[in-house]
C-alpha atoms as a PDB file:
ATOM      1  CA  UNK A   1      16.683   3.950  14.473  1.00  0.00           C
ATOM      2  CA  UNK A   2      15.174   1.799  17.220  1.00  0.00           C
ATOM      3  CA  UNK A   3      13.610  -1.631  16.927  1.00  0.00           C
ATOM      4  CA  UNK A   4      10.622  -2.379  19.162  1.00  0.00           C
ATOM      5  CA  UNK A   5       9.394  -5.725  20.417  1.00  0.00           C
ATOM      6  CA  UNK A   6       7.741  -8.102  17.958  1.00  0.00           C
ATOM      7  CA  UNK A   7       4.000  -8.483  17.618  1.00  0.00           C
ATOM      8  CA  UNK A   8       4.152 -12.257  17.608  1.00  0.00           C
ATOM      9  CA  UNK A   9       2.123 -14.488  19.888  1.00  0.00           C
ATOM     10  CA  UNK A  10       3.904 -15.480  23.108  1.00  0.00           C
ATOM     11  CA  UNK A  11       2.326 -18.919  22.801  1.00  0.00           C
ATOM     12  CA  UNK A  12       3.680 -20.012  19.437  1.00  0.00           C
ATOM     13  CA  UNK A  13       6.781 -19.513  17.335  1.00  0.00           C
ATOM     14  CA  UNK A  14       4.748 -20.451  14.258  1.00  0.00           C
ATOM     15  CA  UNK A  15       3.132 -17.039  14.080  1.00  0.00           C
ATOM     16  CA  UNK A  16       4.634 -14.342  11.863  1.00  0.00           C
ATOM     17  CA  UNK A  17       7.055 -11.969  13.547  1.00  0.00           C
ATOM     18  CA  UNK A  18       6.662  -8.228  13.061  1.00  0.00           C
ATOM     19  CA  UNK A  19       9.553  -5.949  14.000  1.00  0.00           C
ATOM     20  CA  UNK A  20       8.442  -2.330  14.228  1.00  0.00           C
ATOM     21  CA  UNK A  21      11.399  -0.142  13.311  1.00  0.00           C
ATOM     22  CA  UNK A  22      11.237   3.562  14.091  1.00  0.00           C
ATOM     23  CA  UNK A  23      12.943   6.121  11.860  1.00  0.00           C
ATOM     24  CA  UNK A  24      14.015   9.674  12.427  1.00  0.00           C
ATOM     25  CA  UNK A  25      11.091  11.838  11.297  1.00  0.00           C
ATOM     26  CA  UNK A  26      12.635  14.030   8.634  1.00  0.00           C
ATOM     27  CA  UNK A  27      11.218  16.457   6.067  1.00  0.00           C
ATOM     28  CA  UNK A  28      12.709  16.511   2.592  1.00  0.00           C
ATOM     29  CA  UNK A  29      12.147  19.053  -0.177  1.00  0.00           C
ATOM     30  CA  UNK A  30      12.248  17.185  -3.476  1.00  0.00           C
ATOM     31  CA  UNK A  31      12.096  17.953  -7.184  1.00  0.00           C
ATOM     32  CA  UNK A  32       9.719  16.280  -9.635  1.00  0.00           C
ATOM     33  CA  UNK A  33      11.947  14.507 -12.160  1.00  0.00           C
ATOM     34  CA  UNK A  34       9.328  12.658 -14.231  1.00  0.00           C
ATOM     35  CA  UNK A  35       5.551  12.268 -14.577  1.00  0.00           C
ATOM     36  CA  UNK A  36       3.929   9.394 -16.474  1.00  0.00           C
ATOM     37  CA  UNK A  37       0.650   7.491 -16.634  1.00  0.00           C
ATOM     38  CA  UNK A  38       1.329   3.779 -16.144  1.00  0.00           C
ATOM     39  CA  UNK A  39      -2.400   3.099 -16.732  1.00  0.00           C
ATOM     40  CA  UNK A  40      -5.114   5.565 -17.770  1.00  0.00           C
ATOM     41  CA  UNK A  41      -5.914   6.305 -14.102  1.00  0.00           C
ATOM     42  CA  UNK A  42      -2.620   5.602 -12.321  1.00  0.00           C
ATOM     43  CA  UNK A  43      -0.092   8.414 -12.345  1.00  0.00           C
ATOM     44  CA  UNK A  44       3.551   7.733 -11.469  1.00  0.00           C
ATOM     45  CA  UNK A  45       5.699  10.602 -10.227  1.00  0.00           C
ATOM     46  CA  UNK A  46       9.456  10.261  -9.769  1.00  0.00           C
ATOM     47  CA  UNK A  47      10.956  12.595  -7.181  1.00  0.00           C
ATOM     48  CA  UNK A  48      14.639  13.403  -6.785  1.00  0.00           C
ATOM     49  CA  UNK A  49      16.968  15.175  -4.426  1.00  0.00           C
ATOM     50  CA  UNK A  50      20.188  14.777  -2.489  1.00  0.00           C
ATOM     51  CA  UNK A  51      18.255  14.547   0.780  1.00  0.00           C
ATOM     52  CA  UNK A  52      17.104  11.059  -0.273  1.00  0.00           C
ATOM     53  CA  UNK A  53      20.604   9.692   0.392  1.00  0.00           C
ATOM     54  CA  UNK A  54      19.513   8.573   3.874  1.00  0.00           C
ATOM     55  CA  UNK A  55      15.849   7.834   3.076  1.00  0.00           C
ATOM     56  CA  UNK A  56      14.714   4.551   4.690  1.00  0.00           C
ATOM     57  CA  UNK A  57      11.592   2.488   3.990  1.00  0.00           C
ATOM     58  CA  UNK A  58      11.941  -1.101   5.203  1.00  0.00           C
ATOM     59  CA  UNK A  59       8.286  -2.149   4.840  1.00  0.00           C
ATOM     60  CA  UNK A  60       6.473  -2.504   1.521  1.00  0.00           C
ATOM     61  CA  UNK A  61       3.361  -0.832   2.952  1.00  0.00           C
ATOM     62  CA  UNK A  62       5.180   2.093   4.597  1.00  0.00           C
ATOM     63  CA  UNK A  63       3.769   5.583   4.116  1.00  0.00           C
ATOM     64  CA  UNK A  64       5.306   8.992   3.626  1.00  0.00           C
ATOM     65  CA  UNK A  65       3.408  12.219   4.205  1.00  0.00           C
ATOM     66  CA  UNK A  66       3.075  14.321   1.078  1.00  0.00           C
ATOM     67  CA  UNK A  67       2.777  18.004   2.047  1.00  0.00           C
ATOM     68  CA  UNK A  68       0.629  19.898  -0.478  1.00  0.00           C
ATOM     69  CA  UNK A  69      -1.564  23.029  -0.607  1.00  0.00           C
ATOM     70  CA  UNK A  70      -5.195  22.561   0.412  1.00  0.00           C
ATOM     71  CA  UNK A  71      -8.230  24.238  -1.155  1.00  0.00           C
ATOM     72  CA  UNK A  72      -7.718  27.413   0.892  1.00  0.00           C
ATOM     73  CA  UNK A  73      -3.962  27.552   0.473  1.00  0.00           C
ATOM     74  CA  UNK A  74      -3.131  25.971   3.832  1.00  0.00           C
ATOM     75  CA  UNK A  75      -0.706  23.047   3.738  1.00  0.00           C
ATOM     76  CA  UNK A  76      -2.183  19.555   4.183  1.00  0.00           C
ATOM     77  CA  UNK A  77      -0.625  16.110   4.488  1.00  0.00           C
ATOM     78  CA  UNK A  78      -1.673  12.884   2.770  1.00  0.00           C
ATOM     79  CA  UNK A  79      -0.256   9.347   3.038  1.00  0.00           C
ATOM     80  CA  UNK A  80       1.429   7.659   0.074  1.00  0.00           C
ATOM     81  CA  UNK A  81       3.356   4.408  -0.271  1.00  0.00           C
ATOM     82  CA  UNK A  82       6.967   4.638  -1.456  1.00  0.00           C
ATOM     83  CA  UNK A  83       6.612   2.526  -4.603  1.00  0.00           C
ATOM     84  CA  UNK A  84      10.391   2.289  -4.931  1.00  0.00           C
ATOM     85  CA  UNK A  85      13.471   4.269  -3.993  1.00  0.00           C
ATOM     86  CA  UNK A  86      17.165   4.419  -4.777  1.00  0.00           C
ATOM     87  CA  UNK A  87      19.430   6.140  -2.242  1.00  0.00           C
ATOM     88  CA  UNK A  88      22.446   6.272  -4.535  1.00  0.00           C
ATOM     89  CA  UNK A  89      20.486   7.829  -7.399  1.00  0.00           C
ATOM     90  CA  UNK A  90      18.495  10.076  -5.056  1.00  0.00           C
ATOM     91  CA  UNK A  91      15.184   8.845  -6.460  1.00  0.00           C
ATOM     92  CA  UNK A  92      11.777   8.137  -4.916  1.00  0.00           C
ATOM     93  CA  UNK A  93       8.751   6.882  -6.891  1.00  0.00           C
ATOM     94  CA  UNK A  94       5.142   7.503  -5.822  1.00  0.00           C
ATOM     95  CA  UNK A  95       2.012   6.249  -7.607  1.00  0.00           C
ATOM     96  CA  UNK A  96      -1.250   8.213  -7.487  1.00  0.00           C
ATOM     97  CA  UNK A  97      -4.635   6.611  -8.146  1.00  0.00           C
ATOM     98  CA  UNK A  98      -6.533   9.344  -9.989  1.00  0.00           C
ATOM     99  CA  UNK A  99      -9.993   9.289  -8.431  1.00  0.00           C
ATOM    100  CA  UNK A 100     -11.802  11.850  -6.259  1.00  0.00           C
ATOM    101  CA  UNK A 101      -9.540  14.881  -6.485  1.00  0.00           C
ATOM    102  CA  UNK A 102      -8.309  15.688  -2.983  1.00  0.00           C
ATOM    103  CA  UNK A 103      -5.334  18.034  -2.470  1.00  0.00           C
ATOM    104  CA  UNK A 104      -2.681  15.387  -3.185  1.00  0.00           C
ATOM    105  CA  UNK A 105      -4.396  14.214  -6.364  1.00  0.00           C
ATOM    106  CA  UNK A 106      -4.826  17.838  -7.507  1.00  0.00           C
ATOM    107  CA  UNK A 107      -1.128  18.435  -6.896  1.00  0.00           C
ATOM    108  CA  UNK A 108      -0.170  15.266  -8.804  1.00  0.00           C
ATOM    109  CA  UNK A 109      -2.339  16.185 -11.804  1.00  0.00           C
ATOM    110  CA  UNK A 110      -0.611  19.574 -12.019  1.00  0.00           C
ATOM    111  CA  UNK A 111       2.924  18.336 -11.306  1.00  0.00           C
ATOM    112  CA  UNK A 112       5.585  18.589 -14.010  1.00  0.00           C
ATOM    113  CA  UNK A 113       9.358  18.176 -14.105  1.00  0.00           C
ATOM    114  CA  UNK A 114      10.867  20.900 -11.981  1.00  0.00           C
ATOM    115  CA  UNK A 115       7.943  21.160  -9.558  1.00  0.00           C
ATOM    116  CA  UNK A 116       8.877  21.165  -5.859  1.00  0.00           C
ATOM    117  CA  UNK A 117       7.186  19.175  -3.091  1.00  0.00           C
ATOM    118  CA  UNK A 118       7.918  18.307   0.534  1.00  0.00           C
ATOM    119  CA  UNK A 119       7.600  14.825   2.017  1.00  0.00           C
ATOM    120  CA  UNK A 120       7.924  13.672   5.622  1.00  0.00           C
ATOM    121  CA  UNK A 121       8.708  10.216   6.936  1.00  0.00           C
ATOM    122  CA  UNK A 122       8.239   7.336   6.969  1.00  0.00           C
ATOM    123  CA  UNK A 123       7.905   7.494  10.726  1.00  0.00           C
ATOM    124  CA  UNK A 124       8.482   3.759  10.942  1.00  0.00           C
ATOM    125  CA  UNK A 125       8.384   0.389   9.196  1.00  0.00           C
ATOM    126  CA  UNK A 126       6.786  -2.954  10.000  1.00  0.00           C
ATOM    127  CA  UNK A 127       9.234  -5.665   8.942  1.00  0.00           C
ATOM    128  CA  UNK A 128       7.625  -9.109   8.778  1.00  0.00           C
ATOM    129  CA  UNK A 129       9.404 -12.457   8.888  1.00  0.00           C
ATOM    130  CA  UNK A 130       8.180 -16.035   9.136  1.00  0.00           C
ATOM    131  CA  UNK A 131       5.791 -15.801   6.163  1.00  0.00           C
ATOM    132  CA  UNK A 132       6.198 -17.706   2.888  1.00  0.00           C
ATOM    133  CA  UNK A 133       2.555 -17.842   1.727  1.00  0.00           C
ATOM    134  CA  UNK A 134       0.659 -14.640   1.014  1.00  0.00           C
ATOM    135  CA  UNK A 135      -2.760 -13.519  -0.151  1.00  0.00           C
ATOM    136  CA  UNK A 136      -2.766  -9.819  -1.052  1.00  0.00           C
ATOM    137  CA  UNK A 137      -6.039  -7.961  -1.601  1.00  0.00           C
ATOM    138  CA  UNK A 138      -6.384  -4.316  -2.544  1.00  0.00           C
ATOM    139  CA  UNK A 139      -8.075  -1.662  -4.622  1.00  0.00           C
ATOM    140  CA  UNK A 140      -6.358   1.030  -6.704  1.00  0.00           C
ATOM    141  CA  UNK A 141      -4.981   2.843  -3.650  1.00  0.00           C
ATOM    142  CA  UNK A 142      -3.306  -0.364  -2.435  1.00  0.00           C
ATOM    143  CA  UNK A 143      -1.650  -1.329  -5.735  1.00  0.00           C
ATOM    144  CA  UNK A 144       1.619   0.521  -4.956  1.00  0.00           C
ATOM    145  CA  UNK A 145       2.025  -1.516  -1.761  1.00  0.00           C
ATOM    146  CA  UNK A 146       0.900  -4.743  -3.461  1.00  0.00           C
ATOM    147  CA  UNK A 147       3.352  -4.160  -6.295  1.00  0.00           C
ATOM    148  CA  UNK A 148       6.177  -3.575  -3.874  1.00  0.00           C
ATOM    149  CA  UNK A 149       5.255  -6.618  -1.746  1.00  0.00           C
ATOM    150  CA  UNK A 150       5.300  -8.775  -4.886  1.00  0.00           C
ATOM    151  CA  UNK A 151       8.525  -7.366  -6.271  1.00  0.00           C
ATOM    152  CA  UNK A 152      10.367  -7.606  -2.937  1.00  0.00           C
ATOM    153  CA  UNK A 153       9.207 -11.178  -2.213  1.00  0.00           C
ATOM    154  CA  UNK A 154      11.812 -13.911  -1.874  1.00  0.00           C
ATOM    155  CA  UNK A 155      12.456 -17.003  -3.947  1.00  0.00           C
ATOM    156  CA  UNK A 156      10.183 -19.764  -2.637  1.00  0.00           C
ATOM    157  CA  UNK A 157       7.387 -17.426  -1.547  1.00  0.00           C
ATOM    158  CA  UNK A 158       3.915 -18.229  -2.883  1.00  0.00           C
ATOM    159  CA  UNK A 159       1.690 -15.202  -3.531  1.00  0.00           C
ATOM    160  CA  UNK A 160      -1.920 -14.931  -4.649  1.00  0.00           C
ATOM    161  CA  UNK A 161      -2.915 -11.326  -5.284  1.00  0.00           C
ATOM    162  CA  UNK A 162      -6.336  -9.833  -5.990  1.00  0.00           C
ATOM    163  CA  UNK A 163      -6.257  -6.381  -7.546  1.00  0.00           C
ATOM    164  CA  UNK A 164      -9.530  -4.466  -7.688  1.00  0.00           C
ATOM    165  CA  UNK A 165      -9.775  -1.936 -10.521  1.00  0.00           C
ATOM    166  CA  UNK A 166     -12.355  -0.383 -12.825  1.00  0.00           C
ATOM    167  CA  UNK A 167     -11.366  -2.153 -16.067  1.00  0.00           C
ATOM    168  CA  UNK A 168      -8.792  -4.309 -17.821  1.00  0.00           C
ATOM    169  CA  UNK A 169      -6.973  -1.136 -18.868  1.00  0.00           C
ATOM    170  CA  UNK A 170      -6.147  -0.501 -15.197  1.00  0.00           C
ATOM    171  CA  UNK A 171      -4.431  -3.855 -14.668  1.00  0.00           C
ATOM    172  CA  UNK A 172      -0.694  -3.692 -13.973  1.00  0.00           C
ATOM    173  CA  UNK A 173       2.172  -6.112 -14.524  1.00  0.00           C
ATOM    174  CA  UNK A 174       4.459  -7.016 -11.599  1.00  0.00           C
ATOM    175  CA  UNK A 175       7.748  -8.919 -11.825  1.00  0.00           C
ATOM    176  CA  UNK A 176       8.675 -11.312  -9.018  1.00  0.00           C
ATOM    177  CA  UNK A 177      10.992 -14.183  -8.153  1.00  0.00           C
ATOM    178  CA  UNK A 178       8.129 -15.603  -6.076  1.00  0.00           C
ATOM    179  CA  UNK A 179       5.485 -17.991  -7.368  1.00  0.00           C
ATOM    180  CA  UNK A 180       2.786 -15.460  -8.263  1.00  0.00           C
ATOM    181  CA  UNK A 181      -0.881 -15.858  -9.166  1.00  0.00           C
ATOM    182  CA  UNK A 182      -2.359 -12.458 -10.076  1.00  0.00           C
ATOM    183  CA  UNK A 183      -6.130 -12.106 -10.252  1.00  0.00           C
ATOM    184  CA  UNK A 184      -8.141  -9.010 -11.165  1.00  0.00           C
ATOM    185  CA  UNK A 185     -11.625  -7.964 -10.110  1.00  0.00           C
ATOM    186  CA  UNK A 186     -13.310  -5.326 -12.261  1.00  0.00           C
ATOM    187  CA  UNK A 187     -15.964  -3.049 -10.789  1.00  0.00           C
ATOM    188  CA  UNK A 188     -17.017   0.539 -11.523  1.00  0.00           C
ATOM    189  CA  UNK A 189     -15.654   3.313  -9.312  1.00  0.00           C
ATOM    190  CA  UNK A 190     -19.214   3.886  -8.080  1.00  0.00           C
ATOM    191  CA  UNK A 191     -19.115   0.386  -6.513  1.00  0.00           C
ATOM    192  CA  UNK A 192     -15.835   0.919  -4.618  1.00  0.00           C
ATOM    193  CA  UNK A 193     -17.624   0.373  -1.287  1.00  0.00           C
ATOM    194  CA  UNK A 194     -19.130  -2.986  -2.302  1.00  0.00           C
ATOM    195  CA  UNK A 195     -17.074  -5.845  -0.812  1.00  0.00           C
ATOM    196  CA  UNK A 196     -19.016  -8.680  -2.452  1.00  0.00           C
ATOM    197  CA  UNK A 197     -16.985  -8.995  -5.704  1.00  0.00           C
ATOM    198  CA  UNK A 198     -13.815  -9.281  -3.626  1.00  0.00           C
ATOM    199  CA  UNK A 199     -15.357 -11.798  -1.237  1.00  0.00           C
ATOM    200  CA  UNK A 200     -16.518 -13.843  -4.244  1.00  0.00           C
ATOM    201  CA  UNK A 201     -12.930 -13.903  -5.524  1.00  0.00           C
ATOM    202  CA  UNK A 202     -11.636 -14.927  -2.083  1.00  0.00           C
ATOM    203  CA  UNK A 203     -14.168 -17.768  -1.975  1.00  0.00           C
ATOM    204  CA  UNK A 204     -12.174 -19.403  -4.780  1.00  0.00           C
ATOM    205  CA  UNK A 205      -8.831 -19.204  -2.966  1.00  0.00           C
ATOM    206  CA  UNK A 206      -7.563 -21.848  -0.554  1.00  0.00           C
ATOM    207  CA  UNK A 207      -6.421 -20.379   2.752  1.00  0.00           C
ATOM    208  CA  UNK A 208      -4.121 -22.495   4.861  1.00  0.00           C
ATOM    209  CA  UNK A 209      -3.529 -21.488   8.479  1.00  0.00           C
ATOM    210  CA  UNK A 210       0.007 -20.349   7.619  1.00  0.00           C
ATOM    211  CA  UNK A 211      -1.103 -17.978   4.854  1.00  0.00           C
ATOM    212  CA  UNK A 212      -0.748 -14.294   5.688  1.00  0.00           C
ATOM    213  CA  UNK A 213      -3.644 -12.282   4.273  1.00  0.00           C
ATOM    214  CA  UNK A 214      -2.961  -8.590   3.671  1.00  0.00           C
ATOM    215  CA  UNK A 215      -5.951  -6.383   2.812  1.00  0.00           C
ATOM    216  CA  UNK A 216      -6.114  -2.661   2.005  1.00  0.00           C
ATOM    217  CA  UNK A 217      -9.098  -0.867   0.479  1.00  0.00           C
ATOM    218  CA  UNK A 218     -11.879   1.571   1.350  1.00  0.00           C
ATOM    219  CA  UNK A 219     -12.401   1.273   5.116  1.00  0.00           C
ATOM    220  CA  UNK A 220     -15.859  -0.345   5.071  1.00  0.00           C
ATOM    221  CA  UNK A 221     -14.690  -2.844   2.450  1.00  0.00           C
ATOM    222  CA  UNK A 222     -11.573  -3.760   4.437  1.00  0.00           C
ATOM    223  CA  UNK A 223     -13.717  -4.251   7.545  1.00  0.00           C
ATOM    224  CA  UNK A 224     -16.191  -6.483   5.686  1.00  0.00           C
ATOM    225  CA  UNK A 225     -13.379  -8.606   4.263  1.00  0.00           C
ATOM    226  CA  UNK A 226     -11.785  -9.000   7.687  1.00  0.00           C
ATOM    227  CA  UNK A 227     -15.143 -10.120   9.116  1.00  0.00           C
ATOM    228  CA  UNK A 228     -15.574 -12.596   6.259  1.00  0.00           C
ATOM    229  CA  UNK A 229     -12.080 -14.032   6.752  1.00  0.00           C
ATOM    230  CA  UNK A 230     -12.396 -14.468  10.511  1.00  0.00           C
ATOM    231  CA  UNK A 231     -16.086 -15.477  10.746  1.00  0.00           C
ATOM    232  CA  UNK A 232     -16.700 -17.389   7.511  1.00  0.00           C
ATOM    233  CA  UNK A 233     -13.215 -18.715   6.762  1.00  0.00           C
ATOM    234  CA  UNK A 234     -11.976 -19.112  10.362  1.00  0.00           C
ATOM    235  CA  UNK A 235      -8.682 -17.502   9.443  1.00  0.00           C
ATOM    236  CA  UNK A 236      -6.454 -16.846  12.495  1.00  0.00           C
ATOM    237  CA  UNK A 237      -6.108 -13.175  13.433  1.00  0.00           C
ATOM    238  CA  UNK A 238      -2.289 -13.237  13.749  1.00  0.00           C
ATOM    239  CA  UNK A 239      -2.180 -14.162  10.051  1.00  0.00           C
ATOM    240  CA  UNK A 240      -4.298 -11.238   8.901  1.00  0.00           C
ATOM    241  CA  UNK A 241      -3.876  -7.502   8.460  1.00  0.00           C
ATOM    242  CA  UNK A 242      -6.660  -5.260   7.144  1.00  0.00           C
ATOM    243  CA  UNK A 243      -6.245  -1.520   6.582  1.00  0.00           C
ATOM    244  CA  UNK A 244      -8.602   1.186   5.400  1.00  0.00           C
ATOM    245  CA  UNK A 245      -6.542   3.329   3.022  1.00  0.00           C
ATOM    246  CA  UNK A 246      -9.466   5.717   2.483  1.00  0.00           C
ATOM    247  CA  UNK A 247     -13.084   6.295   3.517  1.00  0.00           C
ATOM    248  CA  UNK A 248     -15.838   7.194   1.069  1.00  0.00           C
ATOM    249  CA  UNK A 249     -17.039  10.762   1.689  1.00  0.00           C
ATOM    250  CA  UNK A 250     -14.303  11.664   4.195  1.00  0.00           C
ATOM    251  CA  UNK A 251     -10.888  13.285   3.755  1.00  0.00           C
ATOM    252  CA  UNK A 252      -7.608  12.038   5.233  1.00  0.00           C
ATOM    253  CA  UNK A 253      -9.163   9.138   7.158  1.00  0.00           C
ATOM    254  CA  UNK A 254      -6.800   6.234   6.566  1.00  0.00           C
ATOM    255  CA  UNK A 255      -6.803   3.489   9.185  1.00  0.00           C
ATOM    256  CA  UNK A 256      -3.581   1.497   9.268  1.00  0.00           C
ATOM    257  CA  UNK A 257      -5.301  -1.359  11.094  1.00  0.00           C
ATOM    258  CA  UNK A 258      -8.983  -2.274  11.026  1.00  0.00           C
ATOM    259  CA  UNK A 259     -10.028  -3.467  14.495  1.00  0.00           C
END
């Protein structure tokens, strides 16, 4: 694997450092070992196979490509966050938010132990250092990455997380050695493109200049939150990442970075 240059500012060493690590792009055919609902609308699928012995995912918001049949039988790819993995056990866990049923969701709803699926990637990882204070914001599609960010945080880190879900039944529990404040925003699925409940929750959170804010949601929501943070809260751009994990009414339109 190769490590590229950092994305830090040349003018200050106080900015977070991001090492972009490239991985060999490899396809793996895996077996479904287990299927369980961790909440009424969040499906966890555990995949296994010997080819996972050299699987690498260094960033908590990495993505693998899940290769599944489309509506007409052609193969399509969709992005999913590796929720956790164990090379020695040959195990990879993916969480699926059960919402509008695209090809990956349809596959997940039909999956059972013994089913076969192909994954590809991750193509690379963004490894961040120089951050001890975090604000994490995300809807159902971002909870796998948020959960992993929380669980992989270090002792001494301070994390405030806002999870956006449809009801209390969709709230999840995350274990962490960091100092964690978990907040939940409830809104119906029909209001998934309304950023105002999230912005109202952010209004109550103190943002120091050395707090890294990570946002992932529907693309228009992520864009609105980024605008709010930079224009209304004056938060410095190097301490902010916003991603559109999905776009209402469009298929396979994730945007890793909202400009």
